[in-house]
PDB file of all heavy atoms in Angstrom:
ATOM      1  N   GLY A   1     179.301  80.173  76.321  1.00  0.00           N
ATOM      2  CA  GLY A   1     180.390  80.895  75.696  1.00  0.00           C
ATOM      3  C   GLY A   1     180.911  80.183  74.464  1.00  0.00           C
ATOM      4  O   GLY A   1     180.564  79.049  74.184  1.00  0.00           O
ATOM      5  N   GLU A   2     181.746  80.875  73.747  1.00  0.00           N
ATOM      6  CA  GLU A   2     182.351  80.321  72.539  1.00  0.00           C
ATOM      7  C   GLU A   2     183.639  79.608  72.914  1.00  0.00           C
ATOM      8  O   GLU A   2     184.494  80.172  73.598  1.00  0.00           O
ATOM      9  CB  GLU A   2     182.644  81.465  71.556  1.00  0.00           C
ATOM     10  CG  GLU A   2     183.364  81.021  70.295  1.00  0.00           C
ATOM     11  CD  GLU A   2     183.782  82.201  69.453  1.00  0.00           C
ATOM     12  OE1 GLU A   2     183.337  83.322  69.750  1.00  0.00           O
ATOM     13  OE2 GLU A   2     184.563  82.013  68.504  1.00  0.00           O
ATOM     14  N   GLU A   3     183.776  78.368  72.479  1.00  0.00           N
ATOM     15  CA  GLU A   3     184.974  77.605  72.810  1.00  0.00           C
ATOM     16  C   GLU A   3     186.092  77.987  71.853  1.00  0.00           C
ATOM     17  O   GLU A   3     185.966  77.855  70.646  1.00  0.00           O
ATOM     18  CB  GLU A   3     184.696  76.103  72.725  1.00  0.00           C
ATOM     19  CG  GLU A   3     185.857  75.276  73.236  1.00  0.00           C
ATOM     20  CD  GLU A   3     185.474  73.830  73.440  1.00  0.00           C
ATOM     21  OE1 GLU A   3     184.324  73.473  73.129  1.00  0.00           O
ATOM     22  OE2 GLU A   3     186.335  73.066  73.915  1.00  0.00           O
ATOM     23  N   VAL A   4     187.193  78.494  72.392  1.00  0.00           N
ATOM     24  CA  VAL A   4     188.310  78.968  71.579  1.00  0.00           C
ATOM     25  C   VAL A   4     189.566  78.229  72.009  1.00  0.00           C
ATOM     26  O   VAL A   4     189.877  78.151  73.196  1.00  0.00           O
ATOM     27  CB  VAL A   4     188.518  80.488  71.749  1.00  0.00           C
ATOM     28  CG1 VAL A   4     189.676  80.959  70.873  1.00  0.00           C
ATOM     29  CG2 VAL A   4     187.245  81.248  71.388  1.00  0.00           C
ATOM     30  N   ALA A   5     190.285  77.668  71.042  1.00  0.00           N
ATOM     31  CA  ALA A   5     191.518  76.952  71.339  1.00  0.00           C
ATOM     32  C   ALA A   5     192.588  77.939  71.809  1.00  0.00           C
ATOM     33  O   ALA A   5     192.552  79.122  71.442  1.00  0.00           O
ATOM     34  CB  ALA A   5     191.992  76.203  70.101  1.00  0.00           C
ATOM     35  N   PRO A   6     193.563  77.488  72.607  1.00  0.00           N
ATOM     36  CA  PRO A   6     194.583  78.402  73.139  1.00  0.00           C
ATOM     37  C   PRO A   6     195.319  79.204  72.070  1.00  0.00           C
ATOM     38  O   PRO A   6     195.471  80.424  72.208  1.00  0.00           O
ATOM     39  CB  PRO A   6     195.539  77.452  73.878  1.00  0.00           C
ATOM     40  CG  PRO A   6     194.699  76.296  74.261  1.00  0.00           C
ATOM     41  CD  PRO A   6     193.705  76.125  73.151  1.00  0.00           C
ATOM     42  N   ALA A   7     195.764  78.544  70.998  1.00  0.00           N
ATOM     43  CA  ALA A   7     196.505  79.260  69.954  1.00  0.00           C
ATOM     44  C   ALA A   7     195.624  80.297  69.266  1.00  0.00           C
ATOM     45  O   ALA A   7     196.052  81.421  68.988  1.00  0.00           O
ATOM     46  CB  ALA A   7     197.059  78.275  68.928  1.00  0.00           C
ATOM     47  N   GLU A   8     194.370  79.928  69.006  1.00  0.00           N
ATOM     48  CA  GLU A   8     193.444  80.874  68.376  1.00  0.00           C
ATOM     49  C   GLU A   8     193.191  82.064  69.300  1.00  0.00           C
ATOM     50  O   GLU A   8     193.099  83.214  68.856  1.00  0.00           O
ATOM     51  CB  GLU A   8     192.129  80.178  68.048  1.00  0.00           C
ATOM     52  CG  GLU A   8     191.115  81.086  67.362  1.00  0.00           C
ATOM     53  CD  GLU A   8     189.772  80.429  67.160  1.00  0.00           C
ATOM     54  OE1 GLU A   8     189.662  79.197  67.373  1.00  0.00           O
ATOM     55  OE2 GLU A   8     188.816  81.146  66.804  1.00  0.00           O
ATOM     56  N   ASP A   9     193.079  81.790  70.587  1.00  0.00           N
ATOM     57  CA  ASP A   9     192.863  82.850  71.571  1.00  0.00           C
ATOM     58  C   ASP A   9     194.020  83.846  71.543  1.00  0.00           C
ATOM     59  O   ASP A   9     193.823  85.067  71.519  1.00  0.00           O
ATOM     60  CB  ASP A   9     192.738  82.217  72.955  1.00  0.00           C
ATOM     61  CG  ASP A   9     191.899  83.051  73.897  1.00  0.00           C
ATOM     62  OD1 ASP A   9     191.286  84.035  73.435  1.00  0.00           O
ATOM     63  OD2 ASP A   9     191.841  82.721  75.085  1.00  0.00           O
ATOM     64  N   LEU A  10     195.244  83.334  71.530  1.00  0.00           N
ATOM     65  CA  LEU A  10     196.421  84.201  71.511  1.00  0.00           C
ATOM     66  C   LEU A  10     196.509  84.991  70.212  1.00  0.00           C
ATOM     67  O   LEU A  10     196.921  86.162  70.209  1.00  0.00           O
ATOM     68  CB  LEU A  10     197.683  83.354  71.707  1.00  0.00           C
ATOM     69  CG  LEU A  10     197.817  82.692  73.090  1.00  0.00           C
ATOM     70  CD1 LEU A  10     198.940  81.661  73.083  1.00  0.00           C
ATOM     71  CD2 LEU A  10     198.049  83.736  74.175  1.00  0.00           C
ATOM     72  N   MET A  11     196.111  84.370  69.097  1.00  0.00           N
ATOM     73  CA  MET A  11     196.130  85.076  67.816  1.00  0.00           C
ATOM     74  C   MET A  11     195.090  86.196  67.781  1.00  0.00           C
ATOM     75  O   MET A  11     195.337  87.268  67.214  1.00  0.00           O
ATOM     76  CB  MET A  11     195.892  84.092  66.670  1.00  0.00           C
ATOM     77  CG  MET A  11     197.064  83.185  66.388  1.00  0.00           C
ATOM     78  SD  MET A  11     196.705  82.025  65.040  1.00  0.00           S
ATOM     79  CE  MET A  11     198.239  81.077  64.979  1.00  0.00           C
ATOM     80  N   ARG A  12     193.925  85.968  68.375  1.00  0.00           N
ATOM     81  CA  ARG A  12     192.911  87.028  68.452  1.00  0.00           C
ATOM     82  C   ARG A  12     193.459  88.216  69.241  1.00  0.00           C
ATOM     83  O   ARG A  12     193.210  89.374  68.895  1.00  0.00           O
ATOM     84  CB  ARG A  12     191.636  86.512  69.137  1.00  0.00           C
ATOM     85  CG  ARG A  12     190.844  85.513  68.345  1.00  0.00           C
ATOM     86  CD  ARG A  12     189.429  85.363  68.894  1.00  0.00           C
ATOM     87  NE  ARG A  12     189.372  85.248  70.351  1.00  0.00           N
ATOM     88  CZ  ARG A  12     188.241  85.284  71.052  1.00  0.00           C
ATOM     89  NH1 ARG A  12     187.084  85.453  70.447  1.00  0.00           N
ATOM     90  NH2 ARG A  12     188.264  85.152  72.365  1.00  0.00           N
ATOM     91  N   GLU A  13     194.184  87.911  70.300  1.00  0.00           N
ATOM     92  CA  GLU A  13     194.776  88.988  71.099  1.00  0.00           C
ATOM     93  C   GLU A  13     195.841  89.737  70.313  1.00  0.00           C
ATOM     94  O   GLU A  13     196.033  90.942  70.516  1.00  0.00           O
ATOM     95  CB  GLU A  13     195.328  88.397  72.400  1.00  0.00           C
ATOM     96  CG  GLU A  13     194.215  87.911  73.324  1.00  0.00           C
ATOM     97  CD  GLU A  13     194.661  86.901  74.357  1.00  0.00           C
ATOM     98  OE1 GLU A  13     195.891  86.705  74.505  1.00  0.00           O
ATOM     99  OE2 GLU A  13     193.795  86.294  75.019  1.00  0.00           O
ATOM    100  N   HIS A  14     196.515  89.053  69.404  1.00  0.00           N
ATOM    101  CA  HIS A  14     197.443  89.739  68.506  1.00  0.00           C
ATOM    102  C   HIS A  14     196.707  90.719  67.606  1.00  0.00           C
ATOM    103  O   HIS A  14     197.275  91.720  67.158  1.00  0.00           O
ATOM    104  CB  HIS A  14     198.218  88.729  67.652  1.00  0.00           C
ATOM    105  CG  HIS A  14     199.411  88.170  68.353  1.00  0.00           C
ATOM    106  ND1 HIS A  14     200.216  87.189  67.803  1.00  0.00           N
ATOM    107  CD2 HIS A  14     199.954  88.459  69.563  1.00  0.00           C
ATOM    108  CE1 HIS A  14     201.194  86.903  68.648  1.00  0.00           C
ATOM    109  NE2 HIS A  14     201.056  87.656  69.714  1.00  0.00           N
ATOM    110  N   GLY A  15     195.434  90.424  67.322  1.00  0.00           N
ATOM    111  CA  GLY A  15     194.634  91.370  66.549  1.00  0.00           C
ATOM    112  C   GLY A  15     194.471  92.684  67.293  1.00  0.00           C
ATOM    113  O   GLY A  15     194.524  93.767  66.690  1.00  0.00           O
ATOM    114  N   VAL A  16     194.279  92.618  68.609  1.00  0.00           N
ATOM    115  CA  VAL A  16     194.219  93.835  69.423  1.00  0.00           C
ATOM    116  C   VAL A  16     195.554  94.566  69.348  1.00  0.00           C
ATOM    117  O   VAL A  16     195.607  95.792  69.155  1.00  0.00           O
ATOM    118  CB  VAL A  16     193.881  93.502  70.890  1.00  0.00           C
ATOM    119  CG1 VAL A  16     193.955  94.750  71.756  1.00  0.00           C
ATOM    120  CG2 VAL A  16     192.504  92.868  70.988  1.00  0.00           C
ATOM    121  N   LEU A  17     196.640  93.835  69.501  1.00  0.00           N
ATOM    122  CA  LEU A  17     197.973  94.437  69.411  1.00  0.00           C
ATOM    123  C   LEU A  17     198.149  95.159  68.086  1.00  0.00           C
ATOM    124  O   LEU A  17     198.628  96.301  68.042  1.00  0.00           O
ATOM    125  CB  LEU A  17     199.049  93.351  69.585  1.00  0.00           C
ATOM    126  CG  LEU A  17     200.495  93.776  69.326  1.00  0.00           C
ATOM    127  CD1 LEU A  17     200.926  94.901  70.245  1.00  0.00           C
ATOM    128  CD2 LEU A  17     201.426  92.571  69.479  1.00  0.00           C
ATOM    129  N   ASN A  18     197.743  94.534  66.997  1.00  0.00           N
ATOM    130  CA  ASN A  18     197.881  95.150  65.678  1.00  0.00           C
ATOM    131  C   ASN A  18     197.094  96.442  65.566  1.00  0.00           C
ATOM    132  O   ASN A  18     197.540  97.418  64.949  1.00  0.00           O
ATOM    133  CB  ASN A  18     197.427  94.167  64.593  1.00  0.00           C
ATOM    134  CG  ASN A  18     198.601  93.525  63.881  1.00  0.00           C
ATOM    135  OD1 ASN A  18     199.526  94.214  63.478  1.00  0.00           O
ATOM    136  ND2 ASN A  18     198.564  92.216  63.729  1.00  0.00           N
ATOM    137  N   ARG A  19     195.905  96.463  66.144  1.00  0.00           N
ATOM    138  CA  ARG A  19     195.097  97.680  66.076  1.00  0.00           C
ATOM    139  C   ARG A  19     195.717  98.805  66.901  1.00  0.00           C
ATOM    140  O   ARG A  19     195.637  99.988  66.519  1.00  0.00           O
ATOM    141  CB  ARG A  19     193.660  97.375  66.519  1.00  0.00           C
ATOM    142  CG  ARG A  19     192.940  96.498  65.517  1.00  0.00           C
ATOM    143  CD  ARG A  19     191.563  96.049  65.957  1.00  0.00           C
ATOM    144  NE  ARG A  19     190.588  97.145  65.931  1.00  0.00           N
ATOM    145  CZ  ARG A  19     189.267  96.945  65.969  1.00  0.00           C
ATOM    146  NH1 ARG A  19     188.781  95.712  66.023  1.00  0.00           N
ATOM    147  NH2 ARG A  19     188.439  97.976  65.946  1.00  0.00           N
ATOM    148  N   ILE A  20     196.375  98.454  67.994  1.00  0.00           N
ATOM    149  CA  ILE A  20     197.082  99.483  68.766  1.00  0.00           C
ATOM    150  C   ILE A  20     198.307  99.971  67.996  1.00  0.00           C
ATOM    151  O   ILE A  20     198.641 101.163  68.027  1.00  0.00           O
ATOM    152  CB  ILE A  20     197.489  98.958  70.157  1.00  0.00           C
ATOM    153  CG1 ILE A  20     196.259  98.551  70.979  1.00  0.00           C
ATOM    154  CG2 ILE A  20     198.318 100.001  70.903  1.00  0.00           C
ATOM    155  CD1 ILE A  20     195.335  99.695  71.342  1.00  0.00           C
ATOM    156  N   LEU A  21     198.967  99.068  67.273  1.00  0.00           N
ATOM    157  CA  LEU A  21     200.108  99.495  66.457  1.00  0.00           C
ATOM    158  C   LEU A  21     199.669 100.501  65.402  1.00  0.00           C
ATOM    159  O   LEU A  21     200.405 101.449  65.078  1.00  0.00           O
ATOM    160  CB  LEU A  21     200.774  98.281  65.796  1.00  0.00           C
ATOM    161  CG  LEU A  21     201.442  97.267  66.734  1.00  0.00           C
ATOM    162  CD1 LEU A  21     202.138  96.169  65.931  1.00  0.00           C
ATOM    163  CD2 LEU A  21     202.421  97.932  67.691  1.00  0.00           C
ATOM    164  N   LEU A  22     198.475 100.332  64.854  1.00  0.00           N
ATOM    165  CA  LEU A  22     197.941 101.312  63.898  1.00  0.00           C
ATOM    166  C   LEU A  22     197.702 102.665  64.579  1.00  0.00           C
ATOM    167  O   LEU A  22     197.938 103.727  63.989  1.00  0.00           O
ATOM    168  CB  LEU A  22     196.638 100.796  63.277  1.00  0.00           C
ATOM    169  CG  LEU A  22     196.774  99.623  62.309  1.00  0.00           C
ATOM    170  CD1 LEU A  22     195.397  99.098  61.912  1.00  0.00           C
ATOM    171  CD2 LEU A  22     197.541 100.047  61.058  1.00  0.00           C
ATOM    172  N   ILE A  23     197.226 102.626  65.821  1.00  0.00           N
ATOM    173  CA  ILE A  23     197.051 103.865  66.585  1.00  0.00           C
ATOM    174  C   ILE A  23     198.400 104.535  66.814  1.00  0.00           C
ATOM    175  O   ILE A  23     198.538 105.764  66.705  1.00  0.00           O
ATOM    176  CB  ILE A  23     196.344 103.562  67.922  1.00  0.00           C
ATOM    177  CG1 ILE A  23     194.890 103.169  67.666  1.00  0.00           C
ATOM    178  CG2 ILE A  23     196.439 104.757  68.877  1.00  0.00           C
ATOM    179  CD1 ILE A  23     194.135 102.709  68.903  1.00  0.00           C
ATOM    180  N   TYR A  24     199.413 103.739  67.122  1.00  0.00           N
ATOM    181  CA  TYR A  24     200.761 104.285  67.315  1.00  0.00           C
ATOM    182  C   TYR A  24     201.269 104.929  66.027  1.00  0.00           C
ATOM    183  O   TYR A  24     201.871 106.015  66.051  1.00  0.00           O
ATOM    184  CB  TYR A  24     201.718 103.171  67.753  1.00  0.00           C
ATOM    185  CG  TYR A  24     201.673 102.835  69.232  1.00  0.00           C
ATOM    186  CD1 TYR A  24     200.705 103.373  70.076  1.00  0.00           C
ATOM    187  CD2 TYR A  24     202.607 101.965  69.795  1.00  0.00           C
ATOM    188  CE1 TYR A  24     200.667 103.055  71.427  1.00  0.00           C
ATOM    189  CE2 TYR A  24     202.584 101.655  71.149  1.00  0.00           C
ATOM    190  CZ  TYR A  24     201.611 102.191  71.956  1.00  0.00           C
ATOM    191  OH  TYR A  24     201.584 101.887  73.299  1.00  0.00           O
ATOM    192  N   GLU A  25     201.052 104.283  64.899  1.00  0.00           N
ATOM    193  CA  GLU A  25     201.528 104.833  63.621  1.00  0.00           C
ATOM    194  C   GLU A  25     200.796 106.135  63.277  1.00  0.00           C
ATOM    195  O   GLU A  25     201.408 107.076  62.766  1.00  0.00           O
ATOM    196  CB  GLU A  25     201.349 103.798  62.517  1.00  0.00           C
ATOM    197  CG  GLU A  25     202.323 102.635  62.640  1.00  0.00           C
ATOM    198  CD  GLU A  25     202.070 101.520  61.634  1.00  0.00           C
ATOM    199  OE1 GLU A  25     200.900 101.355  61.204  1.00  0.00           O
ATOM    200  OE2 GLU A  25     203.030 100.819  61.275  1.00  0.00           O
ATOM    201  N   GLU A  26     199.498 106.183  63.554  1.00  0.00           N
ATOM    202  CA  GLU A  26     198.751 107.438  63.324  1.00  0.00           C
ATOM    203  C   GLU A  26     199.246 108.530  64.265  1.00  0.00           C
ATOM    204  O   GLU A  26     199.351 109.706  63.878  1.00  0.00           O
ATOM    205  CB  GLU A  26     197.255 107.187  63.528  1.00  0.00           C
ATOM    206  CG  GLU A  26     196.390 108.427  63.459  1.00  0.00           C
ATOM    207  CD  GLU A  26     196.415 109.127  62.110  1.00  0.00           C
ATOM    208  OE1 GLU A  26     196.843 108.510  61.100  1.00  0.00           O
ATOM    209  OE2 GLU A  26     196.000 110.310  62.055  1.00  0.00           O
TER     210      GLU A  26
END
């Protein structure tokens, strides 16, 4: 697997949140 630091992991998950926010805006 790919080794991901905790902060980077949480930021990637924020990317999912942002994409859902775009769905909400649409």
